[in-house]
Amino acid sequence: MAPKWLIDRIDYKTVKFLRVIRDGAEVLKGVRIDDQTAKIGDTICFDGKRLSVERR
């Protein structure tokens, strides 16, 4: 769902996708960036060097 230019810049050592299994289907629960967890509705910002999470 992210644009290609952002996907190319994601460091998968610091970004983890959190998934859960509900009723047999895998659902995205949130995204962990370093020590912050972004949930549905939060905004992930990219300042040219790093990603951060803004709460709604």
PDB file of N, CA and C in Angstrom:
ATOM      1  N   MET A   1       0.810  -1.187   0.000  1.00  0.00           N
ATOM      2  CA  MET A   1       0.000   0.000   0.000  1.00  0.00           C
ATOM      3  C   MET A   1       0.860   1.261   0.000  1.00  0.00           C
ATOM      4  N   ALA A   2       2.109   1.143   0.340  1.00  0.00           N
ATOM      5  CA  ALA A   2       3.008   2.298   0.342  1.00  0.00           C
ATOM      6  C   ALA A   2       3.547   2.537  -1.067  1.00  0.00           C
ATOM      7  N   PRO A   3       3.884   3.788  -1.381  1.00  0.00           N
ATOM      8  CA  PRO A   3       4.476   4.056  -2.693  1.00  0.00           C
ATOM      9  C   PRO A   3       5.841   3.391  -2.838  1.00  0.00           C
ATOM     10  N   LYS A   4       6.242   3.110  -4.080  1.00  0.00           N
ATOM     11  CA  LYS A   4       7.489   2.393  -4.336  1.00  0.00           C
ATOM     12  C   LYS A   4       8.702   3.130  -3.784  1.00  0.00           C
ATOM     13  N   TRP A   5       8.740   4.469  -3.865  1.00  0.00           N
ATOM     14  CA  TRP A   5       9.892   5.211  -3.361  1.00  0.00           C
ATOM     15  C   TRP A   5      10.050   5.030  -1.853  1.00  0.00           C
ATOM     16  N   LEU A   6       8.928   4.839  -1.139  1.00  0.00           N
ATOM     17  CA  LEU A   6       9.004   4.623   0.304  1.00  0.00           C
ATOM     18  C   LEU A   6       9.409   3.184   0.610  1.00  0.00           C
ATOM     19  N   ILE A   7       8.897   2.240  -0.145  1.00  0.00           N
ATOM     20  CA  ILE A   7       9.239   0.834   0.065  1.00  0.00           C
ATOM     21  C   ILE A   7      10.743   0.617  -0.091  1.00  0.00           C
ATOM     22  N   ASP A   8      11.350   1.308  -1.058  1.00  0.00           N
ATOM     23  CA  ASP A   8      12.792   1.186  -1.283  1.00  0.00           C
ATOM     24  C   ASP A   8      13.610   1.714  -0.107  1.00  0.00           C
ATOM     25  N   ARG A   9      13.035   2.605   0.703  1.00  0.00           N
ATOM     26  CA  ARG A   9      13.771   3.225   1.803  1.00  0.00           C
ATOM     27  C   ARG A   9      13.499   2.589   3.169  1.00  0.00           C
ATOM     28  N   ILE A  10      12.591   1.634   3.228  1.00  0.00           N
ATOM     29  CA  ILE A  10      12.275   1.000   4.513  1.00  0.00           C
ATOM     30  C   ILE A  10      13.414   0.078   4.926  1.00  0.00           C
ATOM     31  N   ASP A  11      13.879   0.267   6.133  1.00  0.00           N
ATOM     32  CA  ASP A  11      14.913  -0.585   6.721  1.00  0.00           C
ATOM     33  C   ASP A  11      14.188  -1.659   7.533  1.00  0.00           C
ATOM     34  N   TYR A  12      14.165  -2.880   7.023  1.00  0.00           N
ATOM     35  CA  TYR A  12      13.383  -3.936   7.672  1.00  0.00           C
ATOM     36  C   TYR A  12      14.016  -4.440   8.963  1.00  0.00           C
ATOM     37  N   LYS A  13      15.171  -3.887   9.355  1.00  0.00           N
ATOM     38  CA  LYS A  13      15.739  -4.202  10.665  1.00  0.00           C
ATOM     39  C   LYS A  13      15.029  -3.409  11.754  1.00  0.00           C
ATOM     40  N   THR A  14      14.499  -2.224  11.426  1.00  0.00           N
ATOM     41  CA  THR A  14      13.820  -1.387  12.418  1.00  0.00           C
ATOM     42  C   THR A  14      12.308  -1.393  12.267  1.00  0.00           C
ATOM     43  N   VAL A  15      11.791  -1.847  11.115  1.00  0.00           N
ATOM     44  CA  VAL A  15      10.352  -1.857  10.866  1.00  0.00           C
ATOM     45  C   VAL A  15       9.840  -3.295  10.903  1.00  0.00           C
ATOM     46  N   LYS A  16       8.848  -3.547  11.742  1.00  0.00           N
ATOM     47  CA  LYS A  16       8.243  -4.876  11.844  1.00  0.00           C
ATOM     48  C   LYS A  16       6.739  -4.756  11.631  1.00  0.00           C
ATOM     49  N   PHE A  17       6.182  -5.643  10.829  1.00  0.00           N
ATOM     50  CA  PHE A  17       4.749  -5.674  10.597  1.00  0.00           C
ATOM     51  C   PHE A  17       4.131  -6.666  11.571  1.00  0.00           C
ATOM     52  N   LEU A  18       3.183  -6.199  12.387  1.00  0.00           N
ATOM     53  CA  LEU A  18       2.544  -7.026  13.412  1.00  0.00           C
ATOM     54  C   LEU A  18       1.234  -7.566  12.864  1.00  0.00           C
ATOM     55  N   ARG A  19       1.121  -8.883  12.835  1.00  0.00           N
ATOM     56  CA  ARG A  19      -0.081  -9.531  12.286  1.00  0.00           C
ATOM     57  C   ARG A  19      -0.677 -10.466  13.331  1.00  0.00           C
ATOM     58  N   VAL A  20      -1.987 -10.638  13.270  1.00  0.00           N
ATOM     59  CA  VAL A  20      -2.688 -11.587  14.124  1.00  0.00           C
ATOM     60  C   VAL A  20      -3.578 -12.446  13.235  1.00  0.00           C
ATOM     61  N   ILE A  21      -3.959 -13.605  13.730  1.00  0.00           N
ATOM     62  CA  ILE A  21      -4.869 -14.483  12.995  1.00  0.00           C
ATOM     63  C   ILE A  21      -6.228 -14.420  13.677  1.00  0.00           C
ATOM     64  N   ARG A  22      -7.223 -13.937  12.925  1.00  0.00           N
ATOM     65  CA  ARG A  22      -8.596 -13.847  13.425  1.00  0.00           C
ATOM     66  C   ARG A  22      -9.501 -14.665  12.518  1.00  0.00           C
ATOM     67  N   ASP A  23     -10.175 -15.611  13.089  1.00  0.00           N
ATOM     68  CA  ASP A  23     -11.102 -16.466  12.337  1.00  0.00           C
ATOM     69  C   ASP A  23     -10.437 -17.101  11.122  1.00  0.00           C
ATOM     70  N   GLY A  24      -9.177 -17.486  11.264  1.00  0.00           N
ATOM     71  CA  GLY A  24      -8.461 -18.166  10.203  1.00  0.00           C
ATOM     72  C   GLY A  24      -7.844 -17.245   9.166  1.00  0.00           C
ATOM     73  N   ALA A  25      -8.041 -15.930   9.286  1.00  0.00           N
ATOM     74  CA  ALA A  25      -7.471 -14.979   8.329  1.00  0.00           C
ATOM     75  C   ALA A  25      -6.397 -14.143   9.009  1.00  0.00           C
ATOM     76  N   GLU A  26      -5.336 -13.875   8.294  1.00  0.00           N
ATOM     77  CA  GLU A  26      -4.262 -13.047   8.828  1.00  0.00           C
ATOM     78  C   GLU A  26      -4.622 -11.575   8.645  1.00  0.00           C
ATOM     79  N   VAL A  27      -4.565 -10.803   9.737  1.00  0.00           N
ATOM     80  CA  VAL A  27      -4.956  -9.396   9.727  1.00  0.00           C
ATOM     81  C   VAL A  27      -3.780  -8.560  10.226  1.00  0.00           C
ATOM     82  N   LEU A  28      -3.515  -7.433   9.557  1.00  0.00           N
ATOM     83  CA  LEU A  28      -2.466  -6.529   9.997  1.00  0.00           C
ATOM     84  C   LEU A  28      -2.933  -5.788  11.236  1.00  0.00           C
ATOM     85  N   LYS A  29      -2.192  -5.920  12.331  1.00  0.00           N
ATOM     86  CA  LYS A  29      -2.544  -5.279  13.589  1.00  0.00           C
ATOM     87  C   LYS A  29      -1.906  -3.901  13.705  1.00  0.00           C
ATOM     88  N   GLY A  30      -0.697  -3.782  13.219  1.00  0.00           N
ATOM     89  CA  GLY A  30       0.011  -2.516  13.294  1.00  0.00           C
ATOM     90  C   GLY A  30       1.412  -2.660  12.749  1.00  0.00           C
ATOM     91  N   VAL A  31       2.172  -1.591  12.859  1.00  0.00           N
ATOM     92  CA  VAL A  31       3.549  -1.571  12.381  1.00  0.00           C
ATOM     93  C   VAL A  31       4.417  -1.035  13.504  1.00  0.00           C
ATOM     94  N   ARG A  32       5.487  -1.749  13.830  1.00  0.00           N
ATOM     95  CA  ARG A  32       6.404  -1.294  14.870  1.00  0.00           C
ATOM     96  C   ARG A  32       7.614  -0.651  14.198  1.00  0.00           C
ATOM     97  N   ILE A  33       7.885   0.602  14.576  1.00  0.00           N
ATOM     98  CA  ILE A  33       9.034   1.342  14.073  1.00  0.00           C
ATOM     99  C   ILE A  33       9.897   1.673  15.278  1.00  0.00           C
ATOM    100  N   ASP A  34      11.066   1.049  15.349  1.00  0.00           N
ATOM    101  CA  ASP A  34      11.936   1.139  16.521  1.00  0.00           C
ATOM    102  C   ASP A  34      11.132   0.746  17.747  1.00  0.00           C
ATOM    103  N   ASP A  35      10.828   1.679  18.642  1.00  0.00           N
ATOM    104  CA  ASP A  35      10.095   1.336  19.866  1.00  0.00           C
ATOM    105  C   ASP A  35       8.659   1.845  19.839  1.00  0.00           C
ATOM    106  N   GLN A  36       8.206   2.428  18.724  1.00  0.00           N
ATOM    107  CA  GLN A  36       6.850   2.945  18.606  1.00  0.00           C
ATOM    108  C   GLN A  36       6.004   1.996  17.770  1.00  0.00           C
ATOM    109  N   THR A  37       4.734   1.835  18.161  1.00  0.00           N
ATOM    110  CA  THR A  37       3.825   0.991  17.398  1.00  0.00           C
ATOM    111  C   THR A  37       2.745   1.850  16.772  1.00  0.00           C
ATOM    112  N   ALA A  38       2.643   1.807  15.449  1.00  0.00           N
ATOM    113  CA  ALA A  38       1.589   2.527  14.732  1.00  0.00           C
ATOM    114  C   ALA A  38       0.417   1.576  14.550  1.00  0.00           C
ATOM    115  N   LYS A  39      -0.760   2.038  14.895  1.00  0.00           N
ATOM    116  CA  LYS A  39      -1.966   1.250  14.724  1.00  0.00           C
ATOM    117  C   LYS A  39      -2.808   1.873  13.618  1.00  0.00           C
ATOM    118  N   ILE A  40      -3.860   1.206  13.233  1.00  0.00           N
ATOM    119  CA  ILE A  40      -4.742   1.696  12.187  1.00  0.00           C
ATOM    120  C   ILE A  40      -5.261   3.077  12.598  1.00  0.00           C
ATOM    121  N   GLY A  41      -5.127   4.040  11.697  1.00  0.00           N
ATOM    122  CA  GLY A  41      -5.573   5.402  11.965  1.00  0.00           C
ATOM    123  C   GLY A  41      -4.434   6.351  12.296  1.00  0.00           C
ATOM    124  N   ASP A  42      -3.293   5.825  12.717  1.00  0.00           N
ATOM    125  CA  ASP A  42      -2.121   6.660  12.981  1.00  0.00           C
ATOM    126  C   ASP A  42      -1.455   7.025  11.657  1.00  0.00           C
ATOM    127  N   THR A  43      -0.622   8.054  11.695  1.00  0.00           N
ATOM    128  CA  THR A  43       0.091   8.505  10.508  1.00  0.00           C
ATOM    129  C   THR A  43       1.563   8.183  10.652  1.00  0.00           C
ATOM    130  N   ILE A  44       2.142   7.589   9.610  1.00  0.00           N
ATOM    131  CA  ILE A  44       3.581   7.321   9.589  1.00  0.00           C
ATOM    132  C   ILE A  44       4.224   8.385   8.716  1.00  0.00           C
ATOM    133  N   CYS A  45       5.167   9.127   9.298  1.00  0.00           N
ATOM    134  CA  CYS A  45       5.818  10.235   8.598  1.00  0.00           C
ATOM    135  C   CYS A  45       7.240   9.857   8.221  1.00  0.00           C
ATOM    136  N   PHE A  46       7.671  10.343   7.071  1.00  0.00           N
ATOM    137  CA  PHE A  46       9.036  10.124   6.590  1.00  0.00           C
ATOM    138  C   PHE A  46       9.642  11.486   6.331  1.00  0.00           C
ATOM    139  N   ASP A  47      10.722  11.828   7.062  1.00  0.00           N
ATOM    140  CA  ASP A  47      11.329  13.155   6.943  1.00  0.00           C
ATOM    141  C   ASP A  47      12.534  13.182   6.009  1.00  0.00           C
ATOM    142  N   GLY A  48      12.720  12.139   5.237  1.00  0.00           N
ATOM    143  CA  GLY A  48      13.856  12.066   4.329  1.00  0.00           C
ATOM    144  C   GLY A  48      14.958  11.181   4.859  1.00  0.00           C
ATOM    145  N   LYS A  49      14.986  10.966   6.167  1.00  0.00           N
ATOM    146  CA  LYS A  49      16.003  10.117   6.792  1.00  0.00           C
ATOM    147  C   LYS A  49      15.395   8.981   7.599  1.00  0.00           C
ATOM    148  N   ARG A  50      14.338   9.267   8.335  1.00  0.00           N
ATOM    149  CA  ARG A  50      13.773   8.211   9.190  1.00  0.00           C
ATOM    150  C   ARG A  50      12.248   8.290   9.245  1.00  0.00           C
ATOM    151  N   LEU A  51      11.659   7.188   9.686  1.00  0.00           N
ATOM    152  CA  LEU A  51      10.222   7.076   9.839  1.00  0.00           C
ATOM    153  C   LEU A  51       9.842   7.379  11.284  1.00  0.00           C
ATOM    154  N   SER A  52       8.673   7.987  11.492  1.00  0.00           N
ATOM    155  CA  SER A  52       8.166   8.212  12.841  1.00  0.00           C
ATOM    156  C   SER A  52       6.646   8.049  12.823  1.00  0.00           C
ATOM    157  N   VAL A  53       6.061   7.925  14.006  1.00  0.00           N
ATOM    158  CA  VAL A  53       4.624   7.680  14.150  1.00  0.00           C
ATOM    159  C   VAL A  53       3.968   8.907  14.778  1.00  0.00           C
ATOM    160  N   GLU A  54       2.864   9.369  14.182  1.00  0.00           N
ATOM    161  CA  GLU A  54       2.058  10.439  14.769  1.00  0.00           C
ATOM    162  C   GLU A  54       0.714   9.843  15.152  1.00  0.00           C
ATOM    163  N   ARG A  55       0.334  10.038  16.403  1.00  0.00           N
ATOM    164  CA  ARG A  55      -0.948   9.524  16.880  1.00  0.00           C
ATOM    165  C   ARG A  55      -2.076  10.387  16.360  1.00  0.00           C
ATOM    166  N   ARG A  56      -3.240   9.782  16.195  1.00  0.00           N
ATOM    167  CA  ARG A  56      -4.385  10.560  15.711  1.00  0.00           C
ATOM    168  C   ARG A  56      -5.020  11.355  16.800  1.00  0.00           C
TER     169      ARG A  56
END
